[in-house]
Amino acid sequence: AEQQGFHERAQPYLDDPSLLRNIIADGCDQARKIAQETMREVREAM
């Protein structure tokens, strides 16, 4: 019963792997924006 939910939520990404790639691409962009701001201040301090 627990795994039924896992299978159902996973199926769209198995059917269309581009959905998965897009999620990660968007996440990487968001993470980089935060990371770039941190590194700007780190470089300045050093």
All heavy atoms as atom14 arrays in JSON, in Angstrom:
{
  "sequence": "AEQQGFHERAQPYLDDPSLLRNIIADGCDQARKIAQETMREVREAM",
  "atom14_mask": [
    [1, 1, 1, 1, 1, 0, 0, 0, 0, 0, 0, 0, 0, 0],
    [1, 1, 1, 1, 1, 1, 1, 1, 1, 0, 0, 0, 0, 0],
    [1, 1, 1, 1, 1, 1, 1, 1, 1, 0, 0, 0, 0, 0],
    [1, 1, 1, 1, 1, 1, 1, 1, 1, 0, 0, 0, 0, 0],
    [1, 1, 1, 1, 0, 0, 0, 0, 0, 0, 0, 0, 0, 0],
    [1, 1, 1, 1, 1, 1, 1, 1, 1, 1, 1, 0, 0, 0],
    [1, 1, 1, 1, 1, 1, 1, 1, 1, 1, 0, 0, 0, 0],
    [1, 1, 1, 1, 1, 1, 1, 1, 1, 0, 0, 0, 0, 0],
    [1, 1, 1, 1, 1, 1, 1, 1, 1, 1, 1, 0, 0, 0],
    [1, 1, 1, 1, 1, 0, 0, 0, 0, 0, 0, 0, 0, 0],
    [1, 1, 1, 1, 1, 1, 1, 1, 1, 0, 0, 0, 0, 0],
    [1, 1, 1, 1, 1, 1, 1, 0, 0, 0, 0, 0, 0, 0],
    [1, 1, 1, 1, 1, 1, 1, 1, 1, 1, 1, 1, 0, 0],
    [1, 1, 1, 1, 1, 1, 1, 1, 0, 0, 0, 0, 0, 0],
    [1, 1, 1, 1, 1, 1, 1, 1, 0, 0, 0, 0, 0, 0],
    [1, 1, 1, 1, 1, 1, 1, 1, 0, 0, 0, 0, 0, 0],
    [1, 1, 1, 1, 1, 1, 1, 0, 0, 0, 0, 0, 0, 0],
    [1, 1, 1, 1, 1, 1, 0, 0, 0, 0, 0, 0, 0, 0],
    [1, 1, 1, 1, 1, 1, 1, 1, 0, 0, 0, 0, 0, 0],
    [1, 1, 1, 1, 1, 1, 1, 1, 0, 0, 0, 0, 0, 0],
    [1, 1, 1, 1, 1, 1, 1, 1, 1, 1, 1, 0, 0, 0],
    [1, 1, 1, 1, 1, 1, 1, 1, 0, 0, 0, 0, 0, 0],
    [1, 1, 1, 1, 1, 1, 1, 1, 0, 0, 0, 0, 0, 0],
    [1, 1, 1, 1, 1, 1, 1, 1, 0, 0, 0, 0, 0, 0],
    [1, 1, 1, 1, 1, 0, 0, 0, 0, 0, 0, 0, 0, 0],
    [1, 1, 1, 1, 1, 1, 1, 1, 0, 0, 0, 0, 0, 0],
    [1, 1, 1, 1, 0, 0, 0, 0, 0, 0, 0, 0, 0, 0],
    [1, 1, 1, 1, 1, 1, 0, 0, 0, 0, 0, 0, 0, 0],
    [1, 1, 1, 1, 1, 1, 1, 1, 0, 0, 0, 0, 0, 0],
    [1, 1, 1, 1, 1, 1, 1, 1, 1, 0, 0, 0, 0, 0],
    [1, 1, 1, 1, 1, 0, 0, 0, 0, 0, 0, 0, 0, 0],
    [1, 1, 1, 1, 1, 1, 1, 1, 1, 1, 1, 0, 0, 0],
    [1, 1, 1, 1, 1, 1, 1, 1, 1, 0, 0, 0, 0, 0],
    [1, 1, 1, 1, 1, 1, 1, 1, 0, 0, 0, 0, 0, 0],
    [1, 1, 1, 1, 1, 0, 0, 0, 0, 0, 0, 0, 0, 0],
    [1, 1, 1, 1, 1, 1, 1, 1, 1, 0, 0, 0, 0, 0],
    [1, 1, 1, 1, 1, 1, 1, 1, 1, 0, 0, 0, 0, 0],
    [1, 1, 1, 1, 1, 1, 1, 0, 0, 0, 0, 0, 0, 0],
    [1, 1, 1, 1, 1, 1, 1, 1, 0, 0, 0, 0, 0, 0],
    [1, 1, 1, 1, 1, 1, 1, 1, 1, 1, 1, 0, 0, 0],
    [1, 1, 1, 1, 1, 1, 1, 1, 1, 0, 0, 0, 0, 0],
    [1, 1, 1, 1, 1, 1, 1, 0, 0, 0, 0, 0, 0, 0],
    [1, 1, 1, 1, 1, 1, 1, 1, 1, 1, 1, 0, 0, 0],
    [1, 1, 1, 1, 1, 1, 1, 1, 1, 0, 0, 0, 0, 0],
    [1, 1, 1, 1, 1, 0, 0, 0, 0, 0, 0, 0, 0, 0],
    [1, 1, 1, 1, 1, 1, 1, 1, 0, 0, 0, 0, 0, 0]
  ],
  "atom14_positions": [
    [[0.84, -1.21, 0.0], [0.0, 0.0, 0.0], [0.87, 1.25, 0.0], [0.57, 2.23, -0.7], [-0.92, 0.0, 1.22], [0.0, 0.0, 0.0], [0.0, 0.0, 0.0], [0.0, 0.0, 0.0], [0.0, 0.0, 0.0], [0.0, 0.0, 0.0], [0.0, 0.0, 0.0], [0.0, 0.0, 0.0], [0.0, 0.0, 0.0], [0.0, 0.0, 0.0]],
    [[1.95, 1.22, 0.79], [2.88, 2.35, 0.82], [3.54, 2.54, -0.54], [3.67, 3.67, -1.05], [3.93, 2.11, 1.9], [4.96, 3.21, 2.05], [5.92, 2.91, 3.19], [6.73, 1.97, 3.06], [5.86, 3.6, 4.22], [0.0, 0.0, 0.0], [0.0, 0.0, 0.0], [0.0, 0.0, 0.0], [0.0, 0.0, 0.0], [0.0, 0.0, 0.0]],
    [[3.96, 1.43, -1.13], [4.66, 1.49, -2.41], [3.75, 1.92, -3.56], [4.24, 2.46, -4.56], [5.31, 0.15, -2.72], [6.5, -0.18, -1.82], [7.12, -1.51, -2.17], [6.4, -2.48, -2.43], [8.43, -1.56, -2.21], [0.0, 0.0, 0.0], [0.0, 0.0, 0.0], [0.0, 0.0, 0.0], [0.0, 0.0, 0.0], [0.0, 0.0, 0.0]],
    [[2.46, 1.7, -3.43], [1.54, 2.1, -4.48], [1.66, 3.6, -4.75], [1.7, 4.05, -5.9], [0.1, 1.75, -4.09], [-0.95, 2.11, -5.13], [-0.77, 1.34, -6.44], [-0.29, 0.2, -6.44], [-1.14, 1.97, -7.55], [0.0, 0.0, 0.0], [0.0, 0.0, 0.0], [0.0, 0.0, 0.0], [0.0, 0.0, 0.0], [0.0, 0.0, 0.0]],
    [[1.76, 4.37, -3.66], [1.95, 5.82, -3.81], [3.27, 6.15, -4.48], [3.34, 7.08, -5.31], [0.0, 0.0, 0.0], [0.0, 0.0, 0.0], [0.0, 0.0, 0.0], [0.0, 0.0, 0.0], [0.0, 0.0, 0.0], [0.0, 0.0, 0.0], [0.0, 0.0, 0.0], [0.0, 0.0, 0.0], [0.0, 0.0, 0.0], [0.0, 0.0, 0.0]],
    [[4.32, 5.41, -4.14], [5.62, 5.64, -4.78], [5.53, 5.41, -6.29], [6.02, 6.22, -7.09], [6.69, 4.71, -4.2], [6.93, 4.86, -2.71], [7.47, 3.81, -1.98], [6.62, 6.03, -2.04], [7.72, 3.92, -0.62], [6.86, 6.16, -0.68], [7.4, 5.1, 0.03], [0.0, 0.0, 0.0], [0.0, 0.0, 0.0], [0.0, 0.0, 0.0]],
    [[4.92, 4.29, -6.66], [4.82, 3.95, -8.09], [4.02, 5.02, -8.85], [4.4, 5.42, -9.94], [4.15, 2.59, -8.26], [5.02, 1.42, -7.89], [6.16, 1.08, -8.59], [4.93, 0.51, -6.87], [6.72, 0.02, -8.05], [6.0, -0.35, -7.0], [0.0, 0.0, 0.0], [0.0, 0.0, 0.0], [0.0, 0.0, 0.0], [0.0, 0.0, 0.0]],
    [[2.92, 5.46, -8.25], [2.07, 6.44, -8.92], [2.78, 7.78, -9.12], [2.68, 8.4, -10.18], [0.78, 6.64, -8.12], [-0.14, 5.42, -8.16], [-1.35, 5.57, -7.25], [-1.44, 6.63, -6.56], [-2.19, 4.66, -7.22], [0.0, 0.0, 0.0], [0.0, 0.0, 0.0], [0.0, 0.0, 0.0], [0.0, 0.0, 0.0], [0.0, 0.0, 0.0]],
    [[3.5, 8.23, -8.08], [4.19, 9.51, -8.19], [5.4, 9.44, -9.12], [5.8, 10.43, -9.72], [4.59, 10.01, -6.8], [3.43, 10.54, -5.97], [3.9, 11.22, -4.7], [4.39, 10.27, -3.72], [3.64, 9.69, -2.77], [2.34, 9.97, -2.69], [4.17, 8.85, -1.91], [0.0, 0.0, 0.0], [0.0, 0.0, 0.0], [0.0, 0.0, 0.0]],
    [[6.0, 8.26, -9.23], [7.19, 8.11, -10.09], [6.84, 7.98, -11.56], [7.63, 8.37, -12.44], [7.99, 6.88, -9.66], [0.0, 0.0, 0.0], [0.0, 0.0, 0.0], [0.0, 0.0, 0.0], [0.0, 0.0, 0.0], [0.0, 0.0, 0.0], [0.0, 0.0, 0.0], [0.0, 0.0, 0.0], [0.0, 0.0, 0.0], [0.0, 0.0, 0.0]],
    [[5.65, 7.46, -11.87], [5.32, 7.09, -13.25], [5.45, 8.24, -14.26], [5.98, 8.04, -15.36], [3.91, 6.49, -13.31], [3.64, 5.73, -14.6], [4.64, 4.59, -14.82], [4.87, 3.78, -13.91], [5.24, 4.53, -16.0], [0.0, 0.0, 0.0], [0.0, 0.0, 0.0], [0.0, 0.0, 0.0], [0.0, 0.0, 0.0], [0.0, 0.0, 0.0]],
    [[4.99, 9.47, -13.94], [5.13, 10.55, -14.94], [6.57, 10.8, -15.36], [6.83, 11.14, -16.52], [4.55, 11.77, -14.21], [3.62, 11.21, -13.19], [4.26, 9.93, -12.75], [0.0, 0.0, 0.0], [0.0, 0.0, 0.0], [0.0, 0.0, 0.0], [0.0, 0.0, 0.0], [0.0, 0.0, 0.0], [0.0, 0.0, 0.0], [0.0, 0.0, 0.0]],
    [[7.5, 10.62, -14.44], [8.92, 10.87, -14.75], [9.54, 9.71, -15.52], [10.49, 9.9, -16.28], [9.69, 11.16, -13.46], [9.05, 12.27, -12.66], [8.31, 12.0, -11.51], [9.13, 13.59, -13.1], [7.69, 13.01, -10.81], [8.51, 14.62, -12.39], [7.79, 14.32, -11.25], [7.17, 15.33, -10.57], [0.0, 0.0, 0.0], [0.0, 0.0, 0.0]],
    [[9.0, 8.52, -15.33], [9.45, 7.37, -16.12], [8.91, 7.48, -17.54], [9.59, 7.12, -18.5], [8.98, 6.07, -15.47], [9.56, 5.77, -14.07], [8.84, 4.57, -13.45], [11.05, 5.51, -14.16], [0.0, 0.0, 0.0], [0.0, 0.0, 0.0], [0.0, 0.0, 0.0], [0.0, 0.0, 0.0], [0.0, 0.0, 0.0], [0.0, 0.0, 0.0]],
    [[7.68, 7.99, -17.66], [7.07, 8.15, -18.98], [7.74, 9.27, -19.78], [7.88, 9.18, -21.0], [5.58, 8.45, -18.84], [4.79, 7.27, -18.28], [5.29, 6.14, -18.37], [3.68, 7.51, -17.75], [0.0, 0.0, 0.0], [0.0, 0.0, 0.0], [0.0, 0.0, 0.0], [0.0, 0.0, 0.0], [0.0, 0.0, 0.0], [0.0, 0.0, 0.0]],
    [[8.13, 10.34, -19.09], [8.72, 11.5, -19.75], [9.92, 12.0, -18.95], [9.79, 12.89, -18.1], [7.68, 12.62, -19.9], [8.19, 13.81, -20.69], [9.37, 13.78, -21.12], [7.42, 14.78, -20.87], [0.0, 0.0, 0.0], [0.0, 0.0, 0.0], [0.0, 0.0, 0.0], [0.0, 0.0, 0.0], [0.0, 0.0, 0.0], [0.0, 0.0, 0.0]],
    [[11.11, 11.44, -19.21], [12.31, 11.83, -18.45], [12.66, 13.31, -18.55], [13.37, 13.84, -17.69], [13.41, 10.97, -19.08], [12.7, 9.8, -19.67], [11.39, 10.34, -20.15], [0.0, 0.0, 0.0], [0.0, 0.0, 0.0], [0.0, 0.0, 0.0], [0.0, 0.0, 0.0], [0.0, 0.0, 0.0], [0.0, 0.0, 0.0], [0.0, 0.0, 0.0]],
    [[12.14, 14.0, -19.57], [12.45, 15.44, -19.69], [11.88, 16.23, -18.52], [12.42, 17.28, -18.15], [11.92, 15.99, -21.01], [10.5, 16.01, -21.03], [0.0, 0.0, 0.0], [0.0, 0.0, 0.0], [0.0, 0.0, 0.0], [0.0, 0.0, 0.0], [0.0, 0.0, 0.0], [0.0, 0.0, 0.0], [0.0, 0.0, 0.0], [0.0, 0.0, 0.0]],
    [[10.78, 15.74, -17.93], [10.22, 16.41, -16.75], [11.24, 16.43, -15.62], [11.4, 17.43, -14.92], [8.94, 15.69, -16.29], [7.75, 15.7, -17.25], [6.63, 14.83, -16.68], [7.26, 17.12, -17.48], [0.0, 0.0, 0.0], [0.0, 0.0, 0.0], [0.0, 0.0, 0.0], [0.0, 0.0, 0.0], [0.0, 0.0, 0.0], [0.0, 0.0, 0.0]],
    [[11.91, 15.3, -15.47], [12.92, 15.17, -14.41], [14.1, 16.1, -14.68], [14.56, 16.81, -13.77], [13.4, 13.71, -14.37], [14.29, 13.29, -13.22], [13.54, 13.37, -11.91], [14.78, 11.86, -13.46], [0.0, 0.0, 0.0], [0.0, 0.0, 0.0], [0.0, 0.0, 0.0], [0.0, 0.0, 0.0], [0.0, 0.0, 0.0], [0.0, 0.0, 0.0]],
    [[14.56, 16.13, -15.92], [15.69, 16.99, -16.28], [15.35, 18.46, -16.07], [16.18, 19.25, -15.62], [16.08, 16.78, -17.75], [17.2, 15.77, -17.98], [16.78, 14.36, -17.73], [17.83, 13.41, -18.1], [17.74, 12.11, -17.86], [16.69, 11.62, -17.25], [18.73, 11.29, -18.21], [0.0, 0.0, 0.0], [0.0, 0.0, 0.0], [0.0, 0.0, 0.0]],
    [[14.11, 18.83, -16.37], [13.69, 20.22, -16.2], [13.65, 20.63, -14.73], [14.03, 21.75, -14.37], [12.32, 20.45, -16.85], [12.36, 20.38, -18.36], [13.42, 20.56, -18.97], [11.22, 20.12, -19.0], [0.0, 0.0, 0.0], [0.0, 0.0, 0.0], [0.0, 0.0, 0.0], [0.0, 0.0, 0.0], [0.0, 0.0, 0.0], [0.0, 0.0, 0.0]],
    [[13.18, 19.72, -13.89], [13.15, 20.01, -12.45], [14.56, 20.26, -11.93], [14.81, 21.22, -11.19], [12.49, 18.84, -11.68], [10.98, 18.84, -11.94], [12.77, 18.94, -10.18], [10.28, 17.6, -11.42], [0.0, 0.0, 0.0], [0.0, 0.0, 0.0], [0.0, 0.0, 0.0], [0.0, 0.0, 0.0], [0.0, 0.0, 0.0], [0.0, 0.0, 0.0]],
    [[15.49, 19.4, -12.33], [16.87, 19.55, -11.87], [17.52, 20.81, -12.46], [18.24, 21.54, -11.78], [17.7, 18.3, -12.22], [17.22, 17.1, -11.39], [19.19, 18.54, -11.99], [17.37, 17.27, -9.88], [0.0, 0.0, 0.0], [0.0, 0.0, 0.0], [0.0, 0.0, 0.0], [0.0, 0.0, 0.0], [0.0, 0.0, 0.0], [0.0, 0.0, 0.0]],
    [[17.24, 21.09, -13.73], [17.8, 22.3, -14.35], [17.32, 23.55, -13.63], [18.11, 24.46, -13.33], [17.42, 22.36, -15.83], [0.0, 0.0, 0.0], [0.0, 0.0, 0.0], [0.0, 0.0, 0.0], [0.0, 0.0, 0.0], [0.0, 0.0, 0.0], [0.0, 0.0, 0.0], [0.0, 0.0, 0.0], [0.0, 0.0, 0.0], [0.0, 0.0, 0.0]],
    [[16.02, 23.61, -13.31], [15.48, 24.76, -12.59], [16.08, 24.85, -11.19], [16.42, 25.93, -10.71], [13.95, 24.64, -12.48], [13.25, 24.86, -13.82], [13.91, 25.37, -14.75], [12.06, 24.49, -13.93], [0.0, 0.0, 0.0], [0.0, 0.0, 0.0], [0.0, 0.0, 0.0], [0.0, 0.0, 0.0], [0.0, 0.0, 0.0], [0.0, 0.0, 0.0]],
    [[16.22, 23.7, -10.54], [16.79, 23.68, -9.19], [18.24, 24.14, -9.18], [18.67, 24.88, -8.29], [0.0, 0.0, 0.0], [0.0, 0.0, 0.0], [0.0, 0.0, 0.0], [0.0, 0.0, 0.0], [0.0, 0.0, 0.0], [0.0, 0.0, 0.0], [0.0, 0.0, 0.0], [0.0, 0.0, 0.0], [0.0, 0.0, 0.0], [0.0, 0.0, 0.0]],
    [[19.0, 23.71, -10.2], [20.4, 24.13, -10.3], [20.5, 25.65, -10.49], [21.37, 26.3, -9.91], [21.11, 23.41, -11.43], [21.36, 21.64, -11.14], [0.0, 0.0, 0.0], [0.0, 0.0, 0.0], [0.0, 0.0, 0.0], [0.0, 0.0, 0.0], [0.0, 0.0, 0.0], [0.0, 0.0, 0.0], [0.0, 0.0, 0.0], [0.0, 0.0, 0.0]],
    [[19.6, 26.2, -11.29], [19.6, 27.65, -11.5], [19.3, 28.39, -10.2], [19.96, 29.39, -9.87], [18.55, 28.04, -12.55], [18.96, 27.66, -13.97], [20.16, 27.39, -14.18], [18.07, 27.62, -14.85], [0.0, 0.0, 0.0], [0.0, 0.0, 0.0], [0.0, 0.0, 0.0], [0.0, 0.0, 0.0], [0.0, 0.0, 0.0], [0.0, 0.0, 0.0]],
    [[18.32, 27.9, -9.45], [17.97, 28.55, -8.19], [19.12, 28.44, -7.18], [19.43, 29.4, -6.48], [16.71, 27.91, -7.6], [15.45, 28.16, -8.4], [14.25, 27.49, -7.76], [13.84, 27.82, -6.65], [13.68, 26.51, -8.46], [0.0, 0.0, 0.0], [0.0, 0.0, 0.0], [0.0, 0.0, 0.0], [0.0, 0.0, 0.0], [0.0, 0.0, 0.0]],
    [[19.72, 27.25, -7.12], [20.83, 27.05, -6.18], [22.01, 27.95, -6.54], [22.67, 28.53, -5.67], [21.25, 25.58, -6.18], [0.0, 0.0, 0.0], [0.0, 0.0, 0.0], [0.0, 0.0, 0.0], [0.0, 0.0, 0.0], [0.0, 0.0, 0.0], [0.0, 0.0, 0.0], [0.0, 0.0, 0.0], [0.0, 0.0, 0.0], [0.0, 0.0, 0.0]],
    [[22.29, 28.08, -7.84], [23.43, 28.89, -8.27], [23.24, 30.36, -7.91], [24.22, 31.06, -7.59], [23.66, 28.75, -9.78], [24.37, 27.49, -10.18], [25.17, 27.68, -11.46], [26.41, 28.42, -11.23], [27.27, 28.72, -12.2], [27.0, 28.38, -13.44], [28.37, 29.38, -11.93], [0.0, 0.0, 0.0], [0.0, 0.0, 0.0], [0.0, 0.0, 0.0]],
    [[22.03, 30.85, -7.98], [21.79, 32.26, -7.63], [22.17, 32.51, -6.18], [22.8, 33.53, -5.86], [20.32, 32.61, -7.87], [19.97, 32.74, -9.34], [18.48, 33.05, -9.53], [18.13, 33.11, -11.02], [16.67, 33.34, -11.22], [0.0, 0.0, 0.0], [0.0, 0.0, 0.0], [0.0, 0.0, 0.0], [0.0, 0.0, 0.0], [0.0, 0.0, 0.0]],
    [[21.79, 31.6, -5.3], [22.16, 31.75, -3.89], [23.66, 31.59, -3.72], [24.32, 32.36, -3.02], [21.41, 30.69, -3.03], [19.9, 30.83, -3.19], [21.81, 30.83, -1.56], [19.1, 29.71, -2.56], [0.0, 0.0, 0.0], [0.0, 0.0, 0.0], [0.0, 0.0, 0.0], [0.0, 0.0, 0.0], [0.0, 0.0, 0.0], [0.0, 0.0, 0.0]],
    [[24.22, 30.58, -4.4], [25.65, 30.3, -4.28], [26.49, 31.46, -4.79], [27.53, 31.8, -4.19], [26.0, 29.02, -5.05], [0.0, 0.0, 0.0], [0.0, 0.0, 0.0], [0.0, 0.0, 0.0], [0.0, 0.0, 0.0], [0.0, 0.0, 0.0], [0.0, 0.0, 0.0], [0.0, 0.0, 0.0], [0.0, 0.0, 0.0], [0.0, 0.0, 0.0]],
    [[26.08, 32.07, -5.87], [26.85, 33.19, -6.44], [26.87, 34.38, -5.5], [27.88, 35.08, -5.38], [26.28, 33.57, -7.8], [26.63, 32.55, -8.89], [25.85, 32.74, -10.17], [24.86, 33.49, -10.21], [26.28, 32.07, -11.23], [0.0, 0.0, 0.0], [0.0, 0.0, 0.0], [0.0, 0.0, 0.0], [0.0, 0.0, 0.0], [0.0, 0.0, 0.0]],
    [[25.76, 34.63, -4.82], [25.71, 35.74, -3.85], [26.65, 35.45, -2.67], [27.39, 36.33, -2.21], [24.28, 35.93, -3.35], [24.12, 37.0, -2.28], [24.55, 38.38, -2.73], [24.52, 38.67, -3.94], [24.94, 39.19, -1.85], [0.0, 0.0, 0.0], [0.0, 0.0, 0.0], [0.0, 0.0, 0.0], [0.0, 0.0, 0.0], [0.0, 0.0, 0.0]],
    [[26.62, 34.2, -2.19], [27.53, 33.83, -1.1], [28.98, 34.0, -1.52], [29.8, 34.58, -0.8], [27.29, 32.38, -0.66], [25.94, 32.24, -0.22], [28.23, 31.98, 0.48], [0.0, 0.0, 0.0], [0.0, 0.0, 0.0], [0.0, 0.0, 0.0], [0.0, 0.0, 0.0], [0.0, 0.0, 0.0], [0.0, 0.0, 0.0], [0.0, 0.0, 0.0]],
    [[29.31, 33.51, -2.7], [30.7, 33.57, -3.16], [31.16, 34.99, -3.44], [32.34, 35.32, -3.28], [30.88, 32.7, -4.41], [30.79, 31.2, -4.14], [31.8, 30.65, -2.74], [33.43, 31.19, -3.26], [0.0, 0.0, 0.0], [0.0, 0.0, 0.0], [0.0, 0.0, 0.0], [0.0, 0.0, 0.0], [0.0, 0.0, 0.0], [0.0, 0.0, 0.0]],
    [[30.24, 35.86, -3.84], [30.61, 37.27, -4.02], [31.12, 37.85, -2.71], [32.16, 38.53, -2.67], [29.4, 38.06, -4.51], [29.69, 39.55, -4.78], [28.42, 40.32, -5.07], [27.53, 40.35, -3.92], [27.72, 41.15, -2.86], [28.78, 41.95, -2.79], [26.87, 41.12, -1.86], [0.0, 0.0, 0.0], [0.0, 0.0, 0.0], [0.0, 0.0, 0.0]],
    [[30.43, 37.53, -1.63], [30.84, 38.06, -0.33], [32.09, 37.36, 0.2], [32.93, 37.99, 0.84], [29.68, 37.94, 0.67], [28.48, 38.78, 0.26], [27.39, 38.76, 1.3], [27.72, 38.68, 2.5], [26.21, 38.83, 0.94], [0.0, 0.0, 0.0], [0.0, 0.0, 0.0], [0.0, 0.0, 0.0], [0.0, 0.0, 0.0], [0.0, 0.0, 0.0]],
    [[32.21, 36.06, -0.07], [33.4, 35.32, 0.36], [34.64, 35.86, -0.36], [35.68, 36.12, 0.27], [33.23, 33.81, 0.09], [34.57, 33.08, 0.23], [32.21, 33.21, 1.05], [0.0, 0.0, 0.0], [0.0, 0.0, 0.0], [0.0, 0.0, 0.0], [0.0, 0.0, 0.0], [0.0, 0.0, 0.0], [0.0, 0.0, 0.0], [0.0, 0.0, 0.0]],
    [[34.55, 36.03, -1.67], [35.7, 36.56, -2.43], [36.07, 37.95, -1.95], [37.26, 38.28, -1.8], [35.36, 36.6, -3.92], [35.19, 35.25, -4.57], [35.02, 35.4, -6.09], [34.33, 34.24, -6.64], [33.07, 34.25, -7.06], [32.36, 35.36, -7.01], [32.53, 33.15, -7.54], [0.0, 0.0, 0.0], [0.0, 0.0, 0.0], [0.0, 0.0, 0.0]],
    [[35.07, 38.77, -1.72], [35.32, 40.14, -1.24], [36.04, 40.11, 0.1], [37.01, 40.85, 0.31], [33.98, 40.87, -1.11], [34.09, 42.33, -0.7], [32.72, 42.96, -0.58], [32.14, 42.91, 0.53], [32.21, 43.49, -1.59], [0.0, 0.0, 0.0], [0.0, 0.0, 0.0], [0.0, 0.0, 0.0], [0.0, 0.0, 0.0], [0.0, 0.0, 0.0]],
    [[35.6, 39.24, 1.0], [36.2, 39.15, 2.33], [37.64, 38.65, 2.27], [38.49, 39.04, 3.07], [35.38, 38.23, 3.23], [0.0, 0.0, 0.0], [0.0, 0.0, 0.0], [0.0, 0.0, 0.0], [0.0, 0.0, 0.0], [0.0, 0.0, 0.0], [0.0, 0.0, 0.0], [0.0, 0.0, 0.0], [0.0, 0.0, 0.0], [0.0, 0.0, 0.0]],
    [[37.93, 37.78, 1.27], [39.27, 37.2, 1.15], [40.18, 37.99, 0.21], [41.28, 37.56, -0.1], [39.15, 35.74, 0.67], [38.4, 34.84, 1.63], [38.34, 33.12, 1.1], [40.01, 32.56, 1.51], [0.0, 0.0, 0.0], [0.0, 0.0, 0.0], [0.0, 0.0, 0.0], [0.0, 0.0, 0.0], [0.0, 0.0, 0.0], [0.0, 0.0, 0.0]]
  ]
}
